[in-house]
Amino acid sequence: MTDNNNNGKNTLNQVGQYLGLGTQLAATIVIMVFIGKWLDGKFNTGSLYTLICAFIGGGAGLYNFIKTVLDIEKKSKNEP
């Protein structure tokens, strides 16, 4: 029974590291879109800054996502 319990905990620990990554990616994009909308309202530029900030947010979020996944994978390979 304890082996099943340990296997379950190990699985949850492994999966838990990935659970927040999607939220971080989405939050980065949404925050940058809101910043772009604010800049568009301030400078009266239509939707130029919204598009620029959305692409910057997408790129930054994707970079952070990939970097985090690679770091987690590297740590899991180094563990005994």
N, C-alpha and C. Protein backbone atom coordinates (compact mmCIF):
# COMPACT_ATOMS: atom_id res chain seq x y z
N MET A 1 0.83 -1.20 0.00
CA MET A 1 0.00 0.00 0.00
C MET A 1 0.87 1.26 0.00
N THR A 2 1.97 1.26 0.72
CA THR A 2 2.82 2.44 0.75
C THR A 2 3.52 2.67 -0.58
N ASP A 3 3.79 1.59 -1.34
CA ASP A 3 4.40 1.77 -2.66
C ASP A 3 3.45 2.51 -3.59
N ASN A 4 2.17 2.18 -3.56
CA ASN A 4 1.19 2.88 -4.38
C ASN A 4 1.06 4.32 -3.95
N ASN A 5 1.13 4.57 -2.65
CA ASN A 5 1.05 5.92 -2.13
C ASN A 5 2.26 6.74 -2.58
N ASN A 6 3.45 6.15 -2.51
CA ASN A 6 4.66 6.86 -2.95
C ASN A 6 4.63 7.11 -4.44
N ASN A 7 4.16 6.15 -5.23
CA ASN A 7 4.06 6.35 -6.67
C ASN A 7 3.10 7.47 -7.00
N GLY A 8 1.99 7.55 -6.28
CA GLY A 8 1.03 8.62 -6.48
C GLY A 8 1.61 9.98 -6.14
N LYS A 9 2.36 10.04 -5.04
CA LYS A 9 2.98 11.31 -4.65
C LYS A 9 4.04 11.73 -5.66
N ASN A 10 4.84 10.77 -6.13
CA ASN A 10 5.85 11.09 -7.13
C ASN A 10 5.22 11.60 -8.41
N THR A 11 4.14 10.97 -8.83
CA THR A 11 3.45 11.40 -10.04
C THR A 11 2.88 12.80 -9.86
N LEU A 12 2.27 13.08 -8.71
CA LEU A 12 1.73 14.41 -8.45
C LEU A 12 2.84 15.46 -8.41
N ASN A 13 3.97 15.12 -7.83
CA ASN A 13 5.10 16.05 -7.80
C ASN A 13 5.60 16.35 -9.20
N GLN A 14 5.67 15.34 -10.04
CA GLN A 14 6.14 15.53 -11.40
C GLN A 14 5.16 16.36 -12.22
N VAL A 15 3.88 16.07 -12.09
CA VAL A 15 2.86 16.78 -12.85
C VAL A 15 2.67 18.19 -12.30
N GLY A 16 2.77 18.36 -11.01
CA GLY A 16 2.55 19.64 -10.38
C GLY A 16 3.46 20.74 -10.88
N GLN A 17 4.64 20.37 -11.31
CA GLN A 17 5.59 21.37 -11.82
C GLN A 17 5.10 22.00 -13.11
N TYR A 18 4.26 21.30 -13.86
CA TYR A 18 3.80 21.78 -15.15
C TYR A 18 2.44 22.47 -15.09
N LEU A 19 1.72 22.35 -13.98
CA LEU A 19 0.34 22.81 -13.92
C LEU A 19 0.19 24.33 -14.11
N GLY A 20 1.08 25.12 -13.61
CA GLY A 20 0.94 26.56 -13.69
C GLY A 20 1.48 27.18 -14.97
N LEU A 21 2.12 26.40 -15.81
CA LEU A 21 2.76 26.97 -17.00
C LEU A 21 1.76 27.56 -17.99
N GLY A 22 0.65 26.91 -18.20
CA GLY A 22 -0.37 27.43 -19.12
C GLY A 22 -0.96 28.73 -18.62
N THR A 23 -1.17 28.80 -17.32
CA THR A 23 -1.71 30.02 -16.73
C THR A 23 -0.72 31.16 -16.86
N GLN A 24 0.56 30.88 -16.65
CA GLN A 24 1.58 31.91 -16.81
C GLN A 24 1.63 32.43 -18.24
N LEU A 25 1.55 31.53 -19.20
CA LEU A 25 1.57 31.92 -20.61
C LEU A 25 0.38 32.80 -20.93
N ALA A 26 -0.81 32.39 -20.53
CA ALA A 26 -2.02 33.16 -20.80
C ALA A 26 -1.99 34.51 -20.08
N ALA A 27 -1.53 34.52 -18.85
CA ALA A 27 -1.49 35.76 -18.08
C ALA A 27 -0.54 36.77 -18.70
N THR A 28 0.59 36.30 -19.19
CA THR A 28 1.55 37.20 -19.83
C THR A 28 0.93 37.87 -21.05
N ILE A 29 0.25 37.08 -21.86
CA ILE A 29 -0.38 37.64 -23.08
C ILE A 29 -1.49 38.61 -22.71
N VAL A 30 -2.34 38.23 -21.76
CA VAL A 30 -3.47 39.09 -21.38
C VAL A 30 -2.98 40.40 -20.78
N ILE A 31 -1.99 40.35 -19.93
CA ILE A 31 -1.46 41.58 -19.33
C ILE A 31 -0.88 42.49 -20.39
N MET A 32 -0.14 41.92 -21.34
CA MET A 32 0.44 42.74 -22.40
C MET A 32 -0.65 43.34 -23.31
N VAL A 33 -1.72 42.61 -23.56
CA VAL A 33 -2.82 43.15 -24.36
C VAL A 33 -3.46 44.33 -23.63
N PHE A 34 -3.66 44.21 -22.32
CA PHE A 34 -4.23 45.33 -21.57
C PHE A 34 -3.29 46.54 -21.57
N ILE A 35 -1.99 46.31 -21.49
CA ILE A 35 -1.04 47.42 -21.58
C ILE A 35 -1.14 48.07 -22.95
N GLY A 36 -1.24 47.26 -24.01
CA GLY A 36 -1.38 47.79 -25.36
C GLY A 36 -2.66 48.60 -25.52
N LYS A 37 -3.77 48.12 -24.95
CA LYS A 37 -5.03 48.87 -25.02
C LYS A 37 -4.90 50.21 -24.31
N TRP A 38 -4.23 50.19 -23.17
CA TRP A 38 -4.03 51.44 -22.43
C TRP A 38 -3.20 52.42 -23.25
N LEU A 39 -2.13 51.92 -23.88
CA LEU A 39 -1.29 52.79 -24.71
C LEU A 39 -2.06 53.31 -25.91
N ASP A 40 -2.90 52.47 -26.52
CA ASP A 40 -3.72 52.93 -27.64
C ASP A 40 -4.68 54.03 -27.21
N GLY A 41 -5.25 53.90 -26.05
CA GLY A 41 -6.15 54.94 -25.55
C GLY A 41 -5.41 56.22 -25.23
N LYS A 42 -4.20 56.08 -24.71
CA LYS A 42 -3.41 57.26 -24.33
C LYS A 42 -2.92 58.03 -25.56
N PHE A 43 -2.47 57.30 -26.59
CA PHE A 43 -1.89 57.95 -27.77
C PHE A 43 -2.83 57.99 -28.97
N ASN A 44 -4.06 57.44 -28.82
CA ASN A 44 -5.07 57.45 -29.88
C ASN A 44 -4.52 56.87 -31.18
N THR A 45 -4.02 55.63 -31.12
CA THR A 45 -3.37 55.00 -32.27
C THR A 45 -4.16 53.80 -32.82
N GLY A 46 -5.44 53.73 -32.58
CA GLY A 46 -6.22 52.60 -33.07
C GLY A 46 -5.90 51.36 -32.26
N SER A 47 -5.40 50.32 -32.93
CA SER A 47 -5.06 49.09 -32.22
C SER A 47 -3.60 48.70 -32.44
N LEU A 48 -2.78 49.65 -32.79
CA LEU A 48 -1.37 49.39 -33.09
C LEU A 48 -0.63 48.83 -31.88
N TYR A 49 -0.72 49.52 -30.75
CA TYR A 49 0.00 49.06 -29.56
C TYR A 49 -0.57 47.77 -29.00
N THR A 50 -1.86 47.56 -29.17
CA THR A 50 -2.46 46.30 -28.71
C THR A 50 -1.85 45.13 -29.46
N LEU A 51 -1.74 45.24 -30.77
CA LEU A 51 -1.14 44.17 -31.56
C LEU A 51 0.33 43.96 -31.23
N ILE A 52 1.07 45.05 -31.14
CA ILE A 52 2.50 44.95 -30.83
C ILE A 52 2.70 44.29 -29.47
N CYS A 53 1.96 44.75 -28.46
CA CYS A 53 2.11 44.20 -27.12
C CYS A 53 1.63 42.75 -27.05
N ALA A 54 0.61 42.39 -27.84
CA ALA A 54 0.15 41.00 -27.86
C ALA A 54 1.23 40.09 -28.40
N PHE A 55 1.91 40.51 -29.46
CA PHE A 55 2.99 39.69 -30.01
C PHE A 55 4.19 39.63 -29.06
N ILE A 56 4.51 40.74 -28.43
CA ILE A 56 5.59 40.73 -27.44
C ILE A 56 5.23 39.83 -26.27
N GLY A 57 3.99 39.91 -25.79
CA GLY A 57 3.53 39.06 -24.69
C GLY A 57 3.55 37.60 -25.07
N GLY A 58 3.13 37.29 -26.30
CA GLY A 58 3.17 35.91 -26.77
C GLY A 58 4.58 35.37 -26.85
N GLY A 59 5.48 36.18 -27.37
CA GLY A 59 6.88 35.76 -27.46
C GLY A 59 7.52 35.59 -26.10
N ALA A 60 7.27 36.54 -25.22
CA ALA A 60 7.85 36.45 -23.88
C ALA A 60 7.26 35.28 -23.10
N GLY A 61 5.96 35.08 -23.23
CA GLY A 61 5.32 33.96 -22.55
C GLY A 61 5.81 32.62 -23.06
N LEU A 62 5.96 32.51 -24.38
CA LEU A 62 6.44 31.27 -24.97
C LEU A 62 7.90 31.01 -24.58
N TYR A 63 8.70 32.06 -24.56
CA TYR A 63 10.10 31.92 -24.13
C TYR A 63 10.17 31.40 -22.70
N ASN A 64 9.37 32.01 -21.81
CA ASN A 64 9.35 31.59 -20.41
C ASN A 64 8.85 30.15 -20.28
N PHE A 65 7.84 29.77 -21.05
CA PHE A 65 7.29 28.42 -21.03
C PHE A 65 8.35 27.40 -21.42
N ILE A 66 9.03 27.64 -22.54
CA ILE A 66 10.05 26.70 -23.01
C ILE A 66 11.22 26.64 -22.05
N LYS A 67 11.66 27.78 -21.55
CA LYS A 67 12.78 27.82 -20.61
C LYS A 67 12.46 27.05 -19.34
N THR A 68 11.27 27.21 -18.83
CA THR A 68 10.87 26.52 -17.61
C THR A 68 10.78 25.01 -17.83
N VAL A 69 10.21 24.60 -18.95
CA VAL A 69 10.10 23.17 -19.24
C VAL A 69 11.49 22.55 -19.37
N LEU A 70 12.40 23.23 -20.06
CA LEU A 70 13.75 22.69 -20.21
C LEU A 70 14.48 22.62 -18.86
N ASP A 71 14.28 23.61 -18.00
CA ASP A 71 14.88 23.58 -16.66
C ASP A 71 14.33 22.42 -15.83
N ILE A 72 13.03 22.19 -15.90
CA ILE A 72 12.43 21.09 -15.15
C ILE A 72 12.96 19.76 -15.67
N GLU A 73 13.05 19.62 -16.98
CA GLU A 73 13.56 18.38 -17.56
C GLU A 73 15.02 18.14 -17.16
N LYS A 74 15.82 19.20 -17.15
CA LYS A 74 17.22 19.07 -16.76
C LYS A 74 17.35 18.63 -15.31
N LYS A 75 16.51 19.21 -14.43
CA LYS A 75 16.54 18.83 -13.02
C LYS A 75 16.10 17.40 -12.83
N SER A 76 15.09 16.96 -13.59
CA SER A 76 14.59 15.59 -13.42
C SER A 76 15.61 14.56 -13.92
N LYS A 77 16.42 14.92 -14.91
CA LYS A 77 17.45 13.99 -15.40
C LYS A 77 18.62 13.89 -14.42
N ASN A 78 18.89 14.97 -13.69
CA ASN A 78 20.00 14.97 -12.74
C ASN A 78 19.66 14.27 -11.43
N GLU A 79 18.36 14.09 -11.15
CA GLU A 79 17.97 13.41 -9.91
C GLU A 79 18.19 11.92 -10.04
N PRO A 80 18.59 11.28 -8.93
CA PRO A 80 18.84 9.82 -8.98
C PRO A 80 17.58 9.01 -9.17
